[in-house]
Every structure is written in C-alpha cells, then in structure tokens.
Amino acid sequence: MRAIIQEEWDGPDSVRLAEVPEPHPAPTEVKVRVRAAGVNPVDYYTSRGLAYNRVLELPFIHGWDVAGVVEEVGYGVSRFQVGDRVFGMPWFPRQAGGYAEFVTAPSRHFASIPTGLSFTEAAALPLAGLTAWQMLVDVAQVESGQGVLVSAAAGGVGHLAVQIAKARGAYVIGAARAAKHDFVRGMGADEVVDYTTTPVHEVVSDVDAVIQMFGGDAGVRALECLRPGGILVSAQAAWTPGLFERAGELNVHAYDYLVEPDAAGLQSIAGLVTDGRLRVDVAAQYPLSEAAQALKVIGEGRTSGKIVLDLGPEN
C-alpha cells in the first residue's frame, strides 16, 4: 500500500511517499481503508522530532486522524461490520499510520461517521474534536451558564471548542487575530478578543474555565482570566514553566492534558454534528502525495479550521 513515511526527524522535507506492507487486524481490531486523513500541528512537530517521538520509531508512518470504510474485522469485534463508515484517532500518541491507504487499530478507537458527513469532514474531527471535548467536558466539566475563554479560537481545536462550549450552554469568549474574528463569531462565540493587540488577561476576567492552547508566558498569564476556583486546562503545560505554582498563588486550578483515543467521546461529537450544533471547517485539502506541503502549511500556525489529505473517492 501507499503511505507517507519518515526515515529521519528532519521536518516535512524528509517525508516521502512509499510502498509499505499492508497491515492486517489482530483480534479486537478492524482494518480500515482510509479515504481521508486529518493533518494536525502535532504531525508537523513530530516530523521535526519535537513531539512524542520517544514512543515512536523510524521509519515512521505519519498521521492519526482517519476516516474510511471497514475492510476487515478481527476476531471478537462486534461494533462494526465490513462496509461500515468510521472515523477515529487510533493509537495516539503511538504510531497509527493514518497517512496511508489502510490502518488497523482496536475497534473502540473508532466510531460511526454521522449520516451526511463526508469522509473529508469526518477525518478533520477526531484529534481536534476529542481534544476540545475532553478538555471542556471531562476535565473542566463546563456547565450551562458558565463563562469559557478559548485561546486560538480560530484553529483546529479552537473552532470546535467554541461550538462544544456553546452546545453546553456556556458564554464563550474566543481569542484570535482580528482577521479571524468573523470566523470565530460564526462558530458561535459571544465575544472575540484580539490577543495580538491587547494581552488577553487585561480584558478577560472571572471566567469559569480557560481552554489554553499556547504555552510560555501567555499560558501562565491566562490564569489571571479565571475567577477564584476556576479551571485552566492546558494543552501546552509541558512548555509552560511555573504554571502550577502560579495557579496556587491565584487560588485557581491548572491541569495538564493530552488527548486519548475515546470512542464514547467520538460518539458524543457525532451526536452534536447530527443535531446541527457542531460543524468542522476544512480550510484546505491535499492529495496524499503532497503531505509534505500540508505539513509545512500546518506548521506555519496561521490556519483557520483544519487541513485534510484526500485518499480516494467519497461513497
């Protein structure tokens, strides 16, 4: 099968399209013919050896977000049948091999694609959608009537987090560049602030929860946006020195966070899509052969919505 592999951690220029052995499912696993694969910032950082590479080995097949059709089921699988349309984020942060024509993974790393959702849209949802869902619902436990600040609100995770928070009845403030304010408002944000002109902590205060996608000093100062006892969930805590100490000083809570495979979370996200309360914005599509270019674009950090690799026809 065709796959995008990397033999050195030298960035996007060191990835290439290659022929590799086709995988086969073990018991409890499904084999999925990939129709589309999502591209995420973690893919770019992985290509440079800057992400979770300590659990990865070279040669490495890129990609975690996938959407496609079940081709084969292993012994003991009861959730899916051959021909089912599924999407998921298998194995993260270990290799999933999503930038390939086939992947195999436990059936509980996948969920059924909502009716009417294309493979392209479905492939854009798992990692970013689960990140937003788990940060908001599982960790922050956001409820109706609460105030939520979402950083990087126009990004892959951010634009989904805005919608999920709104679906839970929260008052949502999004932080984004001025050029992206209309996009963020279109996702349902009640307010939008421009973090490039004014430090967010100077204009936002007393929120119940902060979904923080940046590290460094901005990640620490975001604690000041919380009410006493409020919760900040950071996707970049490892790159935010002093976060937990400062949280203690301010009488707020800070949590580090990393997304995990989660069939129940995927099913909840699918339910929001079916109800019309969640949509994913696909900013650009590339063929599998142009994965290196897709990684370069996502690495620039200016994309609104998601980037997806197209591996085949819709059905």
C-alpha atoms as a PDB file:
ATOM      1  CA  MET A   1       0.000   0.000   0.000  1.00  0.00           C
ATOM      2  CA  ARG A   2       0.998   3.655  -0.361  1.00  0.00           C
ATOM      3  CA  ALA A   3       1.975   5.544   2.792  1.00  0.00           C
ATOM      4  CA  ILE A   4       3.829   8.671   3.876  1.00  0.00           C
ATOM      5  CA  ILE A   5       6.946   7.651   5.746  1.00  0.00           C
ATOM      6  CA  GLN A   6       9.757   9.467   7.500  1.00  0.00           C
ATOM      7  CA  GLU A   7      13.232   7.957   7.987  1.00  0.00           C
ATOM      8  CA  GLU A   8      14.831  10.895   9.840  1.00  0.00           C
ATOM      9  CA  TRP A   9      13.318  13.519  12.157  1.00  0.00           C
ATOM     10  CA  ASP A  10      14.259  16.339   9.777  1.00  0.00           C
ATOM     11  CA  GLY A  11      10.923  18.057   9.215  1.00  0.00           C
ATOM     12  CA  PRO A  12       8.442  17.953   6.330  1.00  0.00           C
ATOM     13  CA  ASP A  13      11.132  17.868   3.650  1.00  0.00           C
ATOM     14  CA  SER A  14      12.213  14.431   4.890  1.00  0.00           C
ATOM     15  CA  VAL A  15       8.832  12.727   4.395  1.00  0.00           C
ATOM     16  CA  ARG A  16       8.112  10.758   1.245  1.00  0.00           C
ATOM     17  CA  LEU A  17       5.503   8.602  -0.419  1.00  0.00           C
ATOM     18  CA  ALA A  18       6.484   4.929  -0.330  1.00  0.00           C
ATOM     19  CA  GLU A  19       5.150   1.404  -0.772  1.00  0.00           C
ATOM     20  CA  VAL A  20       4.923  -0.451   2.557  1.00  0.00           C
ATOM     21  CA  PRO A  21       3.352  -3.756   3.659  1.00  0.00           C
ATOM     22  CA  GLU A  22      -0.401  -3.716   4.118  1.00  0.00           C
ATOM     23  CA  PRO A  23      -1.489  -4.266   7.745  1.00  0.00           C
ATOM     24  CA  HIS A  24      -3.912  -6.950   8.944  1.00  0.00           C
ATOM     25  CA  PRO A  25      -6.144  -6.785  12.019  1.00  0.00           C
ATOM     26  CA  ALA A  26      -5.376  -8.662  15.224  1.00  0.00           C
ATOM     27  CA  PRO A  27      -8.235  -9.851  17.462  1.00  0.00           C
ATOM     28  CA  THR A  28     -10.451  -6.905  18.563  1.00  0.00           C
ATOM     29  CA  GLU A  29      -9.082  -4.784  15.714  1.00  0.00           C
ATOM     30  CA  VAL A  30     -10.551  -3.504  12.461  1.00  0.00           C
ATOM     31  CA  LYS A  31      -8.808  -2.778   9.199  1.00  0.00           C
ATOM     32  CA  VAL A  32      -9.964   0.497   7.655  1.00  0.00           C
ATOM     33  CA  ARG A  33      -9.495   1.615   4.059  1.00  0.00           C
ATOM     34  CA  VAL A  34      -8.589   5.268   4.577  1.00  0.00           C
ATOM     35  CA  ARG A  35     -10.493   7.766   2.430  1.00  0.00           C
ATOM     36  CA  ALA A  36      -9.205  10.908   4.160  1.00  0.00           C
ATOM     37  CA  ALA A  37      -6.653  11.757   6.849  1.00  0.00           C
ATOM     38  CA  GLY A  38      -6.548  14.861   9.008  1.00  0.00           C
ATOM     39  CA  VAL A  39      -3.371  16.929   9.351  1.00  0.00           C
ATOM     40  CA  ASN A  40      -2.623  18.380  12.789  1.00  0.00           C
ATOM     41  CA  PRO A  41       0.084  20.597  14.332  1.00  0.00           C
ATOM     42  CA  VAL A  42       1.358  17.583  16.285  1.00  0.00           C
ATOM     43  CA  ASP A  43       2.115  15.929  12.923  1.00  0.00           C
ATOM     44  CA  TYR A  44       4.397  18.818  11.986  1.00  0.00           C
ATOM     45  CA  TYR A  45       6.194  18.792  15.336  1.00  0.00           C
ATOM     46  CA  THR A  46       6.552  15.023  15.151  1.00  0.00           C
ATOM     47  CA  SER A  47       8.256  15.374  11.767  1.00  0.00           C
ATOM     48  CA  ARG A  48      10.851  17.573  13.485  1.00  0.00           C
ATOM     49  CA  GLY A  49      11.330  15.249  16.445  1.00  0.00           C
ATOM     50  CA  LEU A  50       9.712  17.742  18.822  1.00  0.00           C
ATOM     51  CA  ALA A  51       6.525  15.968  19.928  1.00  0.00           C
ATOM     52  CA  TYR A  52       6.037  12.488  21.441  1.00  0.00           C
ATOM     53  CA  ASN A  53       8.831  10.895  19.456  1.00  0.00           C
ATOM     54  CA  ARG A  54      10.122   8.941  22.466  1.00  0.00           C
ATOM     55  CA  VAL A  55       7.285   6.435  21.860  1.00  0.00           C
ATOM     56  CA  LEU A  56       7.873   6.344  18.086  1.00  0.00           C
ATOM     57  CA  GLU A  57      10.378   4.510  15.918  1.00  0.00           C
ATOM     58  CA  LEU A  58      11.842   5.189  12.482  1.00  0.00           C
ATOM     59  CA  PRO A  59      10.802   4.571   9.786  1.00  0.00           C
ATOM     60  CA  PHE A  60       7.599   6.265  10.894  1.00  0.00           C
ATOM     61  CA  ILE A  61       4.247   6.417   9.070  1.00  0.00           C
ATOM     62  CA  HIS A  62       2.593   9.762   9.748  1.00  0.00           C
ATOM     63  CA  GLY A  63      -0.973  10.546  10.760  1.00  0.00           C
ATOM     64  CA  TRP A  64      -3.552   9.905  13.486  1.00  0.00           C
ATOM     65  CA  ASP A  65      -6.852  11.299  12.158  1.00  0.00           C
ATOM     66  CA  VAL A  66      -8.597   8.914   9.764  1.00  0.00           C
ATOM     67  CA  ALA A  67     -11.956   8.377   8.114  1.00  0.00           C
ATOM     68  CA  GLY A  68     -12.821   5.499   5.856  1.00  0.00           C
ATOM     69  CA  VAL A  69     -14.549   2.163   5.375  1.00  0.00           C
ATOM     70  CA  VAL A  70     -14.111  -1.016   7.405  1.00  0.00           C
ATOM     71  CA  GLU A  71     -12.369  -3.515   5.140  1.00  0.00           C
ATOM     72  CA  GLU A  72     -11.882  -6.405   7.563  1.00  0.00           C
ATOM     73  CA  VAL A  73     -12.752  -7.206  11.192  1.00  0.00           C
ATOM     74  CA  GLY A  74     -10.640  -9.217  13.605  1.00  0.00           C
ATOM     75  CA  TYR A  75     -11.859 -11.912  15.945  1.00  0.00           C
ATOM     76  CA  GLY A  76     -14.146 -10.641  18.705  1.00  0.00           C
ATOM     77  CA  VAL A  77     -15.205  -7.385  17.031  1.00  0.00           C
ATOM     78  CA  SER A  78     -18.932  -6.753  17.411  1.00  0.00           C
ATOM     79  CA  ARG A  79     -19.162  -2.969  16.985  1.00  0.00           C
ATOM     80  CA  PHE A  80     -18.594  -2.824  13.214  1.00  0.00           C
ATOM     81  CA  GLN A  81     -19.074  -4.833  10.049  1.00  0.00           C
ATOM     82  CA  VAL A  82     -17.300  -4.769   6.713  1.00  0.00           C
ATOM     83  CA  GLY A  83     -18.527  -1.745   4.758  1.00  0.00           C
ATOM     84  CA  ASP A  84     -19.243   0.494   7.775  1.00  0.00           C
ATOM     85  CA  ARG A  85     -18.121   4.140   7.504  1.00  0.00           C
ATOM     86  CA  VAL A  86     -15.954   5.026  10.513  1.00  0.00           C
ATOM     87  CA  PHE A  87     -13.702   7.771  11.838  1.00  0.00           C
ATOM     88  CA  GLY A  88     -11.205   7.841  14.665  1.00  0.00           C
ATOM     89  CA  MET A  89      -7.864   8.792  16.210  1.00  0.00           C
ATOM     90  CA  PRO A  90      -6.255   5.379  16.745  1.00  0.00           C
ATOM     91  CA  TRP A  91      -3.244   4.659  18.948  1.00  0.00           C
ATOM     92  CA  PHE A  92      -2.284   8.274  19.796  1.00  0.00           C
ATOM     93  CA  PRO A  93       0.461   9.139  20.712  1.00  0.00           C
ATOM     94  CA  ARG A  94       1.905   5.864  19.362  1.00  0.00           C
ATOM     95  CA  GLN A  95       2.077   5.329  15.611  1.00  0.00           C
ATOM     96  CA  ALA A  96      -1.274   4.920  13.918  1.00  0.00           C
ATOM     97  CA  GLY A  97      -0.097   5.255  10.313  1.00  0.00           C
ATOM     98  CA  GLY A  98      -3.032   7.395   9.194  1.00  0.00           C
ATOM     99  CA  TYR A  99      -1.294   8.828   6.119  1.00  0.00           C
ATOM    100  CA  ALA A 100      -1.734   5.510   4.343  1.00  0.00           C
ATOM    101  CA  GLU A 101      -4.266   3.543   2.331  1.00  0.00           C
ATOM    102  CA  PHE A 102      -5.046   1.205   5.256  1.00  0.00           C
ATOM    103  CA  VAL A 103      -4.818   1.318   9.054  1.00  0.00           C
ATOM    104  CA  THR A 104      -5.534  -1.274  11.725  1.00  0.00           C
ATOM    105  CA  ALA A 105      -6.486  -0.471  15.321  1.00  0.00           C
ATOM    106  CA  PRO A 106      -8.806  -1.573  18.134  1.00  0.00           C
ATOM    107  CA  SER A 107     -12.439  -1.183  17.133  1.00  0.00           C
ATOM    108  CA  ARG A 108     -13.017   1.002  20.191  1.00  0.00           C
ATOM    109  CA  HIS A 109     -10.691   3.618  18.743  1.00  0.00           C
ATOM    110  CA  PHE A 110     -13.378   4.345  16.113  1.00  0.00           C
ATOM    111  CA  ALA A 111     -16.985   5.492  15.865  1.00  0.00           C
ATOM    112  CA  SER A 112     -19.555   5.557  13.074  1.00  0.00           C
ATOM    113  CA  ILE A 113     -19.458   8.587  10.788  1.00  0.00           C
ATOM    114  CA  PRO A 114     -22.661  10.645  11.156  1.00  0.00           C
ATOM    115  CA  THR A 115     -25.063  10.403   8.224  1.00  0.00           C
ATOM    116  CA  GLY A 116     -24.426  13.145   5.702  1.00  0.00           C
ATOM    117  CA  LEU A 117     -20.866  13.877   6.833  1.00  0.00           C
ATOM    118  CA  SER A 118     -18.218  13.421   4.142  1.00  0.00           C
ATOM    119  CA  PHE A 119     -15.020  11.460   4.686  1.00  0.00           C
ATOM    120  CA  THR A 120     -13.113  14.729   4.406  1.00  0.00           C
ATOM    121  CA  GLU A 121     -15.122  16.365   7.189  1.00  0.00           C
ATOM    122  CA  ALA A 122     -15.030  13.229   9.326  1.00  0.00           C
ATOM    123  CA  ALA A 123     -11.232  12.989   9.037  1.00  0.00           C
ATOM    124  CA  ALA A 124     -10.917  16.575  10.270  1.00  0.00           C
ATOM    125  CA  LEU A 125     -12.780  15.853  13.507  1.00  0.00           C
ATOM    126  CA  PRO A 126     -11.164  13.168  15.707  1.00  0.00           C
ATOM    127  CA  LEU A 127      -7.982  14.630  17.214  1.00  0.00           C
ATOM    128  CA  ALA A 128      -9.149  18.244  17.345  1.00  0.00           C
ATOM    129  CA  GLY A 129     -12.694  17.308  18.330  1.00  0.00           C
ATOM    130  CA  LEU A 130     -11.638  14.905  21.060  1.00  0.00           C
ATOM    131  CA  THR A 131      -9.130  17.445  22.365  1.00  0.00           C
ATOM    132  CA  ALA A 132     -11.851  20.074  22.662  1.00  0.00           C
ATOM    133  CA  TRP A 133     -14.397  17.609  24.080  1.00  0.00           C
ATOM    134  CA  GLN A 134     -12.108  16.070  26.675  1.00  0.00           C
ATOM    135  CA  MET A 135     -10.715  19.439  27.811  1.00  0.00           C
ATOM    136  CA  LEU A 136     -14.161  21.013  28.169  1.00  0.00           C
ATOM    137  CA  VAL A 137     -16.287  18.076  29.308  1.00  0.00           C
ATOM    138  CA  ASP A 138     -14.026  15.550  31.000  1.00  0.00           C
ATOM    139  CA  VAL A 139     -11.552  17.914  32.679  1.00  0.00           C
ATOM    140  CA  ALA A 140     -13.166  21.358  33.054  1.00  0.00           C
ATOM    141  CA  GLN A 141     -16.692  19.888  33.299  1.00  0.00           C
ATOM    142  CA  VAL A 142     -18.189  23.003  31.734  1.00  0.00           C
ATOM    143  CA  GLU A 143     -21.868  23.552  32.506  1.00  0.00           C
ATOM    144  CA  SER A 144     -24.660  25.821  31.296  1.00  0.00           C
ATOM    145  CA  GLY A 145     -24.285  29.420  32.386  1.00  0.00           C
ATOM    146  CA  GLN A 146     -20.524  29.299  32.877  1.00  0.00           C
ATOM    147  CA  GLY A 147     -18.022  31.570  31.153  1.00  0.00           C
ATOM    148  CA  VAL A 148     -15.337  29.950  28.999  1.00  0.00           C
ATOM    149  CA  LEU A 149     -12.283  31.506  27.353  1.00  0.00           C
ATOM    150  CA  VAL A 150     -10.936  29.635  24.318  1.00  0.00           C
ATOM    151  CA  SER A 151      -7.455  30.576  23.121  1.00  0.00           C
ATOM    152  CA  ALA A 152      -6.505  30.087  19.455  1.00  0.00           C
ATOM    153  CA  ALA A 153     -10.251  30.089  18.827  1.00  0.00           C
ATOM    154  CA  ALA A 154      -9.947  30.017  15.039  1.00  0.00           C
ATOM    155  CA  GLY A 155      -7.661  26.990  14.998  1.00  0.00           C
ATOM    156  CA  GLY A 156      -8.429  23.320  14.520  1.00  0.00           C
ATOM    157  CA  VAL A 157      -9.161  22.671  18.191  1.00  0.00           C
ATOM    158  CA  GLY A 158     -10.339  26.178  18.979  1.00  0.00           C
ATOM    159  CA  HIS A 159     -13.181  26.478  16.478  1.00  0.00           C
ATOM    160  CA  LEU A 160     -14.567  23.149  17.692  1.00  0.00           C
ATOM    161  CA  ALA A 161     -14.105  24.090  21.360  1.00  0.00           C
ATOM    162  CA  VAL A 162     -16.142  27.263  20.814  1.00  0.00           C
ATOM    163  CA  GLN A 163     -19.020  25.213  19.413  1.00  0.00           C
ATOM    164  CA  ILE A 164     -18.871  22.486  22.044  1.00  0.00           C
ATOM    165  CA  ALA A 165     -18.836  25.057  24.852  1.00  0.00           C
ATOM    166  CA  LYS A 166     -21.841  26.802  23.289  1.00  0.00           C
ATOM    167  CA  ALA A 167     -23.638  23.469  22.941  1.00  0.00           C
ATOM    168  CA  ARG A 168     -23.198  23.014  26.701  1.00  0.00           C
ATOM    169  CA  GLY A 169     -24.782  26.409  27.350  1.00  0.00           C
ATOM    170  CA  ALA A 170     -21.639  28.381  28.155  1.00  0.00           C
ATOM    171  CA  TYR A 171     -20.895  32.040  27.458  1.00  0.00           C
ATOM    172  CA  VAL A 172     -17.870  31.819  25.163  1.00  0.00           C
ATOM    173  CA  ILE A 173     -15.048  34.295  24.648  1.00  0.00           C
ATOM    174  CA  GLY A 174     -12.664  33.486  21.824  1.00  0.00           C
ATOM    175  CA  ALA A 175      -9.128  34.837  21.441  1.00  0.00           C
ATOM    176  CA  ALA A 176      -7.958  35.237  17.838  1.00  0.00           C
ATOM    177  CA  ARG A 177      -6.317  37.633  15.416  1.00  0.00           C
ATOM    178  CA  ALA A 178      -8.600  40.426  14.198  1.00  0.00           C
ATOM    179  CA  ALA A 179      -8.750  38.976  10.679  1.00  0.00           C
ATOM    180  CA  LYS A 180     -10.332  35.824  12.100  1.00  0.00           C
ATOM    181  CA  HIS A 181     -12.927  37.450  14.355  1.00  0.00           C
ATOM    182  CA  ASP A 182     -15.803  36.999  11.912  1.00  0.00           C
ATOM    183  CA  PHE A 183     -14.906  33.321  11.558  1.00  0.00           C
ATOM    184  CA  VAL A 184     -14.891  32.831  15.347  1.00  0.00           C
ATOM    185  CA  ARG A 185     -18.194  34.681  15.760  1.00  0.00           C
ATOM    186  CA  GLY A 186     -19.601  32.469  13.029  1.00  0.00           C
ATOM    187  CA  MET A 187     -18.727  29.484  15.214  1.00  0.00           C
ATOM    188  CA  GLY A 188     -20.911  30.935  17.966  1.00  0.00           C
ATOM    189  CA  ALA A 189     -18.543  32.956  20.180  1.00  0.00           C
ATOM    190  CA  ASP A 190     -20.295  35.608  22.257  1.00  0.00           C
ATOM    191  CA  GLU A 191     -17.184  37.794  22.368  1.00  0.00           C
ATOM    192  CA  VAL A 192     -13.886  37.826  20.499  1.00  0.00           C
ATOM    193  CA  VAL A 193     -10.674  39.496  21.663  1.00  0.00           C
ATOM    194  CA  ASP A 194      -7.551  40.256  19.641  1.00  0.00           C
ATOM    195  CA  TYR A 195      -4.617  38.789  21.537  1.00  0.00           C
ATOM    196  CA  THR A 196      -2.135  40.472  19.170  1.00  0.00           C
ATOM    197  CA  THR A 197      -3.049  43.997  20.288  1.00  0.00           C
ATOM    198  CA  THR A 198      -4.025  43.547  23.937  1.00  0.00           C
ATOM    199  CA  PRO A 199      -2.923  40.885  26.432  1.00  0.00           C
ATOM    200  CA  VAL A 200      -5.961  38.689  26.977  1.00  0.00           C
ATOM    201  CA  HIS A 201      -5.623  38.743  30.770  1.00  0.00           C
ATOM    202  CA  GLU A 202      -6.107  42.533  30.677  1.00  0.00           C
ATOM    203  CA  VAL A 203      -9.548  42.328  29.050  1.00  0.00           C
ATOM    204  CA  VAL A 204     -10.958  38.977  30.239  1.00  0.00           C
ATOM    205  CA  SER A 205     -11.658  38.168  33.875  1.00  0.00           C
ATOM    206  CA  ASP A 206     -13.773  35.974  36.145  1.00  0.00           C
ATOM    207  CA  VAL A 207     -14.400  33.177  33.655  1.00  0.00           C
ATOM    208  CA  ASP A 208     -15.030  29.676  34.966  1.00  0.00           C
ATOM    209  CA  ALA A 209     -12.747  27.866  32.543  1.00  0.00           C
ATOM    210  CA  VAL A 210      -9.892  28.574  30.147  1.00  0.00           C
ATOM    211  CA  ILE A 211      -9.035  26.241  27.270  1.00  0.00           C
ATOM    212  CA  GLN A 212      -5.383  27.110  26.715  1.00  0.00           C
ATOM    213  CA  MET A 213      -3.603  26.100  23.521  1.00  0.00           C
ATOM    214  CA  PHE A 214      -0.465  28.239  23.957  1.00  0.00           C
ATOM    215  CA  GLY A 215       2.385  27.738  26.391  1.00  0.00           C
ATOM    216  CA  GLY A 216       5.022  30.117  27.664  1.00  0.00           C
ATOM    217  CA  ASP A 217       4.245  33.363  29.481  1.00  0.00           C
ATOM    218  CA  ALA A 218       0.854  33.694  27.762  1.00  0.00           C
ATOM    219  CA  GLY A 219      -0.130  30.334  29.200  1.00  0.00           C
ATOM    220  CA  VAL A 220       0.730  31.480  32.717  1.00  0.00           C
ATOM    221  CA  ARG A 221      -0.945  34.887  32.387  1.00  0.00           C
ATOM    222  CA  ALA A 222      -4.153  33.177  31.181  1.00  0.00           C
ATOM    223  CA  LEU A 223      -4.633  32.035  34.791  1.00  0.00           C
ATOM    224  CA  GLU A 224      -5.451  35.647  35.645  1.00  0.00           C
ATOM    225  CA  CYS A 225      -8.589  35.409  33.491  1.00  0.00           C
ATOM    226  CA  LEU A 226     -10.177  32.947  35.938  1.00  0.00           C
ATOM    227  CA  ARG A 227     -12.475  33.534  38.867  1.00  0.00           C
ATOM    228  CA  PRO A 228     -11.230  32.143  42.206  1.00  0.00           C
ATOM    229  CA  GLY A 229     -11.527  28.361  41.991  1.00  0.00           C
ATOM    230  CA  GLY A 230     -11.736  28.422  38.190  1.00  0.00           C
ATOM    231  CA  ILE A 231     -10.063  25.852  35.945  1.00  0.00           C
ATOM    232  CA  LEU A 232      -7.446  26.238  33.233  1.00  0.00           C
ATOM    233  CA  VAL A 233      -6.804  23.196  31.041  1.00  0.00           C
ATOM    234  CA  SER A 234      -3.541  23.482  29.111  1.00  0.00           C
ATOM    235  CA  ALA A 235      -2.574  21.501  26.042  1.00  0.00           C
ATOM    236  CA  GLN A 236       0.908  23.022  26.419  1.00  0.00           C
ATOM    237  CA  ALA A 237       1.586  22.650  30.147  1.00  0.00           C
ATOM    238  CA  ALA A 238       4.907  20.932  29.475  1.00  0.00           C
ATOM    239  CA  TRP A 239       6.029  24.134  27.735  1.00  0.00           C
ATOM    240  CA  THR A 240       4.613  26.484  30.394  1.00  0.00           C
ATOM    241  CA  PRO A 241       7.134  26.798  33.255  1.00  0.00           C
ATOM    242  CA  GLY A 242       5.628  27.985  36.526  1.00  0.00           C
ATOM    243  CA  LEU A 243       2.037  27.217  35.549  1.00  0.00           C
ATOM    244  CA  PHE A 244       1.085  25.154  38.574  1.00  0.00           C
ATOM    245  CA  GLU A 245       2.919  27.335  41.080  1.00  0.00           C
ATOM    246  CA  ARG A 246       1.172  30.460  39.765  1.00  0.00           C
ATOM    247  CA  ALA A 247      -2.196  28.678  39.852  1.00  0.00           C
ATOM    248  CA  GLY A 248      -1.686  28.009  43.559  1.00  0.00           C
ATOM    249  CA  GLU A 249      -0.861  31.656  44.192  1.00  0.00           C
ATOM    250  CA  LEU A 250      -4.065  32.771  42.445  1.00  0.00           C
ATOM    251  CA  ASN A 251      -6.307  30.168  44.098  1.00  0.00           C
ATOM    252  CA  VAL A 252      -7.257  28.619  40.754  1.00  0.00           C
ATOM    253  CA  HIS A 253      -6.749  25.160  39.253  1.00  0.00           C
ATOM    254  CA  ALA A 254      -4.457  24.225  36.364  1.00  0.00           C
ATOM    255  CA  TYR A 255      -4.414  20.867  34.597  1.00  0.00           C
ATOM    256  CA  ASP A 256      -2.060  19.442  32.011  1.00  0.00           C
ATOM    257  CA  TYR A 257      -3.769  17.500  29.275  1.00  0.00           C
ATOM    258  CA  LEU A 258      -3.130  15.220  26.303  1.00  0.00           C
ATOM    259  CA  VAL A 259      -5.843  13.754  24.109  1.00  0.00           C
ATOM    260  CA  GLU A 260      -6.563   9.992  24.208  1.00  0.00           C
ATOM    261  CA  PRO A 261      -8.450   7.622  21.881  1.00  0.00           C
ATOM    262  CA  ASP A 262     -12.069   7.680  23.029  1.00  0.00           C
ATOM    263  CA  ALA A 263     -14.971   6.005  21.210  1.00  0.00           C
ATOM    264  CA  ALA A 264     -17.543   7.462  23.627  1.00  0.00           C
ATOM    265  CA  GLY A 265     -16.210  10.964  23.036  1.00  0.00           C
ATOM    266  CA  LEU A 266     -16.332  10.435  19.278  1.00  0.00           C
ATOM    267  CA  GLN A 267     -19.934   9.288  19.544  1.00  0.00           C
ATOM    268  CA  SER A 268     -20.818  12.414  21.546  1.00  0.00           C
ATOM    269  CA  ILE A 269     -19.146  14.587  18.915  1.00  0.00           C
ATOM    270  CA  ALA A 270     -21.036  12.725  16.187  1.00  0.00           C
ATOM    271  CA  GLY A 271     -24.262  13.439  18.060  1.00  0.00           C
ATOM    272  CA  LEU A 272     -23.540  17.174  18.053  1.00  0.00           C
ATOM    273  CA  VAL A 273     -22.864  17.011  14.309  1.00  0.00           C
ATOM    274  CA  THR A 274     -26.144  15.155  13.722  1.00  0.00           C
ATOM    275  CA  ASP A 275     -28.029  17.730  15.817  1.00  0.00           C
ATOM    276  CA  GLY A 276     -26.542  20.591  13.791  1.00  0.00           C
ATOM    277  CA  ARG A 277     -24.673  22.030  16.773  1.00  0.00           C
ATOM    278  CA  LEU A 278     -21.169  21.255  15.532  1.00  0.00           C
ATOM    279  CA  ARG A 279     -19.512  21.655  12.165  1.00  0.00           C
ATOM    280  CA  VAL A 280     -15.889  21.314  11.206  1.00  0.00           C
ATOM    281  CA  ASP A 281     -14.291  23.848   8.885  1.00  0.00           C
ATOM    282  CA  VAL A 282     -11.962  22.294   6.302  1.00  0.00           C
ATOM    283  CA  ALA A 283      -9.597  25.041   5.181  1.00  0.00           C
ATOM    284  CA  ALA A 284      -7.666  23.039   2.564  1.00  0.00           C
ATOM    285  CA  GLN A 285      -7.315  19.596   1.019  1.00  0.00           C
ATOM    286  CA  TYR A 286      -4.216  17.963  -0.453  1.00  0.00           C
ATOM    287  CA  PRO A 287      -3.636  14.621  -2.180  1.00  0.00           C
ATOM    288  CA  LEU A 288      -1.604  12.068  -0.216  1.00  0.00           C
ATOM    289  CA  SER A 289       1.405  12.734  -2.442  1.00  0.00           C
ATOM    290  CA  GLU A 290       1.509  16.351  -1.191  1.00  0.00           C
ATOM    291  CA  ALA A 291       1.611  15.504   2.510  1.00  0.00           C
ATOM    292  CA  ALA A 292       4.917  17.354   2.929  1.00  0.00           C
ATOM    293  CA  GLN A 293       3.332  20.592   1.731  1.00  0.00           C
ATOM    294  CA  ALA A 294       0.333  20.068   4.022  1.00  0.00           C
ATOM    295  CA  LEU A 295       2.719  19.639   6.968  1.00  0.00           C
ATOM    296  CA  LYS A 296       4.539  22.860   6.059  1.00  0.00           C
ATOM    297  CA  VAL A 297       1.274  24.800   5.920  1.00  0.00           C
ATOM    298  CA  ILE A 298       0.053  23.483   9.268  1.00  0.00           C
ATOM    299  CA  GLY A 299       3.478  24.239  10.740  1.00  0.00           C
ATOM    300  CA  GLU A 300       3.062  27.945   9.938  1.00  0.00           C
ATOM    301  CA  GLY A 301       0.378  28.127  12.631  1.00  0.00           C
ATOM    302  CA  ARG A 302      -1.933  30.504  10.755  1.00  0.00           C
ATOM    303  CA  THR A 303      -4.594  28.089   9.509  1.00  0.00           C
ATOM    304  CA  SER A 304      -8.246  28.555  10.392  1.00  0.00           C
ATOM    305  CA  GLY A 305     -10.064  25.243  10.716  1.00  0.00           C
ATOM    306  CA  LYS A 306      -8.464  22.008   9.509  1.00  0.00           C
ATOM    307  CA  ILE A 307      -6.296  20.617   6.707  1.00  0.00           C
ATOM    308  CA  VAL A 308      -7.083  17.171   5.262  1.00  0.00           C
ATOM    309  CA  LEU A 309      -5.380  14.698   2.930  1.00  0.00           C
ATOM    310  CA  ASP A 310      -7.706  13.163   0.327  1.00  0.00           C
ATOM    311  CA  LEU A 311      -7.011   9.473  -0.393  1.00  0.00           C
ATOM    312  CA  GLY A 312      -9.949   8.456  -2.503  1.00  0.00           C
ATOM    313  CA  PRO A 313     -13.492   8.923  -3.743  1.00  0.00           C
ATOM    314  CA  GLU A 314     -16.479   9.534  -1.495  1.00  0.00           C
ATOM    315  CA  ASN A 315     -19.257   6.943  -1.297  1.00  0.00           C
END
